[in-house]
Amino acid sequence: MLNINKKLENTTLTVELSGRLDTTTAPRLEGELKDALPGVGALVLDLEKLEYISSAGLRVLLSAQKIMNKQGEMKLIHVNDTVREIFDVTGFSDILTIE
């Protein structure tokens, strides 16, 4: 299960994810981001409560990164050790901005 909590302030969209971002939940996040990203200058993904991310979830982050490269910036905050390890192993820590 994945909970998605979005908050838009001016052109900054903050998305809090909690639960599991995997093959069953990734399409929902992808759809929500696709609808929310037009006009957004900064995308902040708060991953503090994200327990797990699969390759499908990584793909959604990558496509969001590609969109944000054209219209602003994207960063990940509060990345916990479990998720950070997945980013490190897959090389995503080099691609994504993690604070």
N, C-alpha and C. Protein backbone atom coordinates (compact mmCIF):
# COMPACT_ATOMS: atom_id res chain seq x y z
N MET A 1 0.83 -1.19 0.00
CA MET A 1 0.00 0.00 0.00
C MET A 1 0.87 1.25 0.00
N LEU A 2 0.43 2.27 -0.73
CA LEU A 2 1.16 3.52 -0.82
C LEU A 2 0.23 4.68 -0.53
N ASN A 3 0.66 5.56 0.37
CA ASN A 3 -0.07 6.80 0.62
C ASN A 3 0.68 7.95 -0.04
N ILE A 4 -0.07 8.78 -0.76
CA ILE A 4 0.51 9.93 -1.46
C ILE A 4 -0.15 11.18 -0.92
N ASN A 5 0.66 12.09 -0.37
CA ASN A 5 0.14 13.32 0.20
C ASN A 5 0.81 14.49 -0.53
N LYS A 6 0.01 15.24 -1.31
CA LYS A 6 0.58 16.33 -2.12
C LYS A 6 0.22 17.69 -1.51
N LYS A 7 1.19 18.61 -1.58
CA LYS A 7 0.96 19.97 -1.10
C LYS A 7 1.63 20.93 -2.08
N LEU A 8 0.84 21.84 -2.66
CA LEU A 8 1.37 22.80 -3.63
C LEU A 8 1.45 24.18 -2.98
N GLU A 9 2.64 24.76 -3.00
CA GLU A 9 2.83 26.13 -2.51
C GLU A 9 3.52 26.92 -3.60
N ASN A 10 2.81 27.91 -4.15
CA ASN A 10 3.29 28.65 -5.31
C ASN A 10 3.59 27.66 -6.43
N THR A 11 4.87 27.51 -6.83
CA THR A 11 5.19 26.54 -7.89
C THR A 11 5.99 25.37 -7.34
N THR A 12 5.98 25.20 -6.02
CA THR A 12 6.69 24.06 -5.41
C THR A 12 5.68 23.01 -4.97
N LEU A 13 5.84 21.82 -5.52
CA LEU A 13 4.98 20.69 -5.16
C LEU A 13 5.77 19.75 -4.26
N THR A 14 5.25 19.55 -3.04
CA THR A 14 5.86 18.59 -2.12
C THR A 14 4.97 17.35 -2.07
N VAL A 15 5.59 16.20 -2.29
CA VAL A 15 4.86 14.94 -2.30
C VAL A 15 5.46 14.04 -1.23
N GLU A 16 4.64 13.71 -0.22
CA GLU A 16 5.07 12.78 0.83
C GLU A 16 4.60 11.39 0.45
N LEU A 17 5.52 10.44 0.46
CA LEU A 17 5.18 9.06 0.16
C LEU A 17 5.37 8.22 1.40
N SER A 18 4.38 7.38 1.72
CA SER A 18 4.55 6.44 2.82
C SER A 18 4.02 5.08 2.39
N GLY A 19 4.71 4.04 2.83
CA GLY A 19 4.33 2.69 2.45
C GLY A 19 5.31 2.11 1.44
N ARG A 20 4.77 1.40 0.45
CA ARG A 20 5.60 0.69 -0.53
C ARG A 20 5.34 1.22 -1.94
N LEU A 21 6.42 1.59 -2.61
CA LEU A 21 6.32 2.02 -4.00
C LEU A 21 6.83 0.86 -4.86
N ASP A 22 5.87 0.08 -5.39
CA ASP A 22 6.25 -1.12 -6.14
C ASP A 22 5.39 -1.24 -7.40
N THR A 23 5.40 -2.41 -8.03
CA THR A 23 4.70 -2.56 -9.32
C THR A 23 3.20 -2.29 -9.21
N THR A 24 2.61 -2.55 -8.06
CA THR A 24 1.16 -2.31 -7.93
C THR A 24 0.84 -0.85 -7.64
N THR A 25 1.74 -0.12 -6.97
CA THR A 25 1.44 1.26 -6.58
C THR A 25 2.10 2.30 -7.48
N ALA A 26 3.13 1.91 -8.21
CA ALA A 26 3.86 2.88 -9.06
C ALA A 26 2.96 3.55 -10.11
N PRO A 27 2.06 2.82 -10.79
CA PRO A 27 1.21 3.49 -11.79
C PRO A 27 0.34 4.60 -11.19
N ARG A 28 -0.10 4.42 -9.93
CA ARG A 28 -0.91 5.45 -9.29
C ARG A 28 -0.09 6.72 -9.07
N LEU A 29 1.14 6.55 -8.58
CA LEU A 29 2.00 7.71 -8.36
C LEU A 29 2.31 8.39 -9.70
N GLU A 30 2.58 7.58 -10.71
CA GLU A 30 2.89 8.13 -12.03
C GLU A 30 1.73 8.98 -12.55
N GLY A 31 0.50 8.48 -12.38
CA GLY A 31 -0.69 9.22 -12.81
C GLY A 31 -0.86 10.51 -12.05
N GLU A 32 -0.67 10.43 -10.73
CA GLU A 32 -0.84 11.64 -9.90
C GLU A 32 0.20 12.70 -10.24
N LEU A 33 1.45 12.26 -10.48
CA LEU A 33 2.50 13.21 -10.84
C LEU A 33 2.23 13.83 -12.22
N LYS A 34 1.80 13.00 -13.15
CA LYS A 34 1.53 13.49 -14.51
C LYS A 34 0.48 14.60 -14.47
N ASP A 35 -0.55 14.43 -13.63
CA ASP A 35 -1.60 15.44 -13.51
C ASP A 35 -1.13 16.68 -12.77
N ALA A 36 -0.20 16.49 -11.82
CA ALA A 36 0.17 17.60 -10.93
C ALA A 36 1.36 18.42 -11.42
N LEU A 37 2.20 17.86 -12.30
CA LEU A 37 3.46 18.52 -12.63
C LEU A 37 3.38 19.73 -13.57
N PRO A 38 2.40 19.83 -14.45
CA PRO A 38 2.38 21.02 -15.32
C PRO A 38 2.38 22.31 -14.49
N GLY A 39 3.30 23.21 -14.80
CA GLY A 39 3.39 24.48 -14.09
C GLY A 39 4.21 24.43 -12.81
N VAL A 40 4.69 23.25 -12.43
CA VAL A 40 5.48 23.13 -11.20
C VAL A 40 6.95 23.44 -11.50
N GLY A 41 7.55 24.31 -10.68
CA GLY A 41 8.94 24.67 -10.88
C GLY A 41 9.90 23.85 -10.02
N ALA A 42 9.37 23.34 -8.91
CA ALA A 42 10.20 22.52 -8.01
C ALA A 42 9.36 21.38 -7.47
N LEU A 43 9.90 20.17 -7.60
CA LEU A 43 9.24 18.99 -7.07
C LEU A 43 10.10 18.46 -5.92
N VAL A 44 9.48 18.35 -4.74
CA VAL A 44 10.17 17.83 -3.56
C VAL A 44 9.48 16.54 -3.15
N LEU A 45 10.23 15.45 -3.15
CA LEU A 45 9.67 14.16 -2.73
C LEU A 45 10.20 13.84 -1.34
N ASP A 46 9.28 13.74 -0.39
CA ASP A 46 9.64 13.43 0.99
C ASP A 46 9.47 11.92 1.18
N LEU A 47 10.60 11.22 1.35
CA LEU A 47 10.57 9.76 1.40
C LEU A 47 10.80 9.21 2.81
N GLU A 48 10.59 10.04 3.81
CA GLU A 48 10.85 9.62 5.19
C GLU A 48 10.09 8.35 5.57
N LYS A 49 8.85 8.23 5.11
CA LYS A 49 8.01 7.09 5.52
C LYS A 49 7.90 6.03 4.43
N LEU A 50 8.72 6.15 3.39
CA LEU A 50 8.69 5.14 2.33
C LEU A 50 9.47 3.92 2.80
N GLU A 51 8.80 2.77 2.85
CA GLU A 51 9.42 1.56 3.39
C GLU A 51 10.21 0.78 2.33
N TYR A 52 9.78 0.91 1.07
CA TYR A 52 10.36 0.07 0.02
C TYR A 52 10.14 0.73 -1.33
N ILE A 53 11.10 0.58 -2.23
CA ILE A 53 10.91 1.05 -3.60
C ILE A 53 11.44 -0.03 -4.54
N SER A 54 10.64 -0.39 -5.54
CA SER A 54 11.05 -1.41 -6.51
C SER A 54 11.53 -0.73 -7.79
N SER A 55 11.92 -1.53 -8.78
CA SER A 55 12.38 -0.97 -10.05
C SER A 55 11.27 -0.17 -10.72
N ALA A 56 10.02 -0.58 -10.54
CA ALA A 56 8.89 0.18 -11.10
C ALA A 56 8.82 1.56 -10.46
N GLY A 57 9.05 1.62 -9.15
CA GLY A 57 9.07 2.90 -8.45
C GLY A 57 10.22 3.77 -8.89
N LEU A 58 11.38 3.16 -9.09
CA LEU A 58 12.55 3.90 -9.58
C LEU A 58 12.26 4.50 -10.95
N ARG A 59 11.56 3.75 -11.79
CA ARG A 59 11.24 4.23 -13.13
C ARG A 59 10.35 5.47 -13.06
N VAL A 60 9.39 5.48 -12.14
CA VAL A 60 8.51 6.64 -11.97
C VAL A 60 9.33 7.87 -11.53
N LEU A 61 10.28 7.66 -10.60
CA LEU A 61 11.13 8.77 -10.16
C LEU A 61 11.97 9.29 -11.32
N LEU A 62 12.47 8.38 -12.14
CA LEU A 62 13.30 8.77 -13.27
C LEU A 62 12.49 9.58 -14.28
N SER A 63 11.26 9.15 -14.56
CA SER A 63 10.46 9.90 -15.53
C SER A 63 10.07 11.27 -14.97
N ALA A 64 9.82 11.34 -13.65
CA ALA A 64 9.55 12.64 -13.02
C ALA A 64 10.78 13.54 -13.12
N GLN A 65 11.96 12.96 -12.93
CA GLN A 65 13.21 13.71 -13.03
C GLN A 65 13.38 14.29 -14.43
N LYS A 66 13.05 13.49 -15.45
CA LYS A 66 13.18 13.97 -16.85
C LYS A 66 12.25 15.15 -17.10
N ILE A 67 11.02 15.07 -16.60
CA ILE A 67 10.07 16.17 -16.76
C ILE A 67 10.60 17.41 -16.05
N MET A 68 11.06 17.23 -14.80
CA MET A 68 11.51 18.38 -14.01
C MET A 68 12.80 18.98 -14.54
N ASN A 69 13.63 18.20 -15.24
CA ASN A 69 14.84 18.75 -15.86
C ASN A 69 14.48 19.83 -16.87
N LYS A 70 13.31 19.70 -17.50
CA LYS A 70 12.88 20.66 -18.51
C LYS A 70 12.23 21.90 -17.90
N GLN A 71 11.61 21.74 -16.72
CA GLN A 71 10.81 22.86 -16.21
C GLN A 71 11.21 23.34 -14.82
N GLY A 72 12.28 22.78 -14.27
CA GLY A 72 12.68 23.22 -12.93
C GLY A 72 13.62 22.23 -12.29
N GLU A 73 13.35 21.88 -11.03
CA GLU A 73 14.24 20.99 -10.31
C GLU A 73 13.44 19.99 -9.50
N MET A 74 14.10 18.89 -9.18
CA MET A 74 13.49 17.87 -8.35
C MET A 74 14.50 17.45 -7.31
N LYS A 75 14.04 17.30 -6.07
CA LYS A 75 14.94 16.78 -5.04
C LYS A 75 14.19 15.84 -4.12
N LEU A 76 14.95 14.95 -3.51
CA LEU A 76 14.40 14.00 -2.56
C LEU A 76 14.90 14.37 -1.18
N ILE A 77 13.99 14.40 -0.21
CA ILE A 77 14.39 14.75 1.16
C ILE A 77 14.00 13.63 2.11
N HIS A 78 14.65 13.62 3.27
CA HIS A 78 14.37 12.66 4.34
C HIS A 78 14.42 11.21 3.86
N VAL A 79 15.38 10.91 2.99
CA VAL A 79 15.50 9.54 2.48
C VAL A 79 16.05 8.65 3.59
N ASN A 80 15.29 7.61 3.95
CA ASN A 80 15.72 6.73 5.03
C ASN A 80 16.80 5.77 4.53
N ASP A 81 17.43 5.08 5.46
CA ASP A 81 18.57 4.21 5.12
C ASP A 81 18.20 3.08 4.16
N THR A 82 17.03 2.49 4.34
CA THR A 82 16.60 1.38 3.49
C THR A 82 16.49 1.82 2.03
N VAL A 83 15.81 2.95 1.82
CA VAL A 83 15.61 3.44 0.46
C VAL A 83 16.93 3.97 -0.10
N ARG A 84 17.74 4.64 0.74
CA ARG A 84 19.03 5.15 0.27
C ARG A 84 19.92 4.02 -0.22
N GLU A 85 19.88 2.90 0.47
CA GLU A 85 20.69 1.75 0.06
C GLU A 85 20.29 1.27 -1.33
N ILE A 86 18.98 1.25 -1.61
CA ILE A 86 18.50 0.87 -2.94
C ILE A 86 19.00 1.87 -3.98
N PHE A 87 18.94 3.17 -3.65
CA PHE A 87 19.45 4.19 -4.57
C PHE A 87 20.94 3.99 -4.83
N ASP A 88 21.70 3.68 -3.77
CA ASP A 88 23.15 3.49 -3.90
C ASP A 88 23.47 2.28 -4.78
N VAL A 89 22.79 1.16 -4.52
CA VAL A 89 23.05 -0.08 -5.26
C VAL A 89 22.71 0.08 -6.74
N THR A 90 21.62 0.81 -7.04
CA THR A 90 21.17 0.95 -8.43
C THR A 90 21.85 2.10 -9.16
N GLY A 91 22.63 2.93 -8.43
CA GLY A 91 23.27 4.07 -9.06
C GLY A 91 22.37 5.29 -9.14
N PHE A 92 21.17 5.20 -8.59
CA PHE A 92 20.24 6.32 -8.64
C PHE A 92 20.70 7.49 -7.78
N SER A 93 21.57 7.22 -6.79
CA SER A 93 22.08 8.34 -5.97
C SER A 93 22.89 9.31 -6.81
N ASP A 94 23.44 8.81 -7.93
CA ASP A 94 24.22 9.70 -8.82
C ASP A 94 23.31 10.51 -9.74
N ILE A 95 22.11 10.00 -10.00
CA ILE A 95 21.20 10.64 -10.95
C ILE A 95 20.29 11.64 -10.24
N LEU A 96 19.83 11.29 -9.04
CA LEU A 96 18.84 12.09 -8.31
C LEU A 96 19.51 13.02 -7.31
N THR A 97 18.86 14.14 -7.04
CA THR A 97 19.35 15.06 -6.02
C THR A 97 18.75 14.65 -4.68
N ILE A 98 19.62 14.20 -3.76
CA ILE A 98 19.14 13.72 -2.47
C ILE A 98 19.72 14.63 -1.37
N GLU A 99 18.82 15.17 -0.56
CA GLU A 99 19.28 16.06 0.53
C GLU A 99 19.00 15.45 1.87
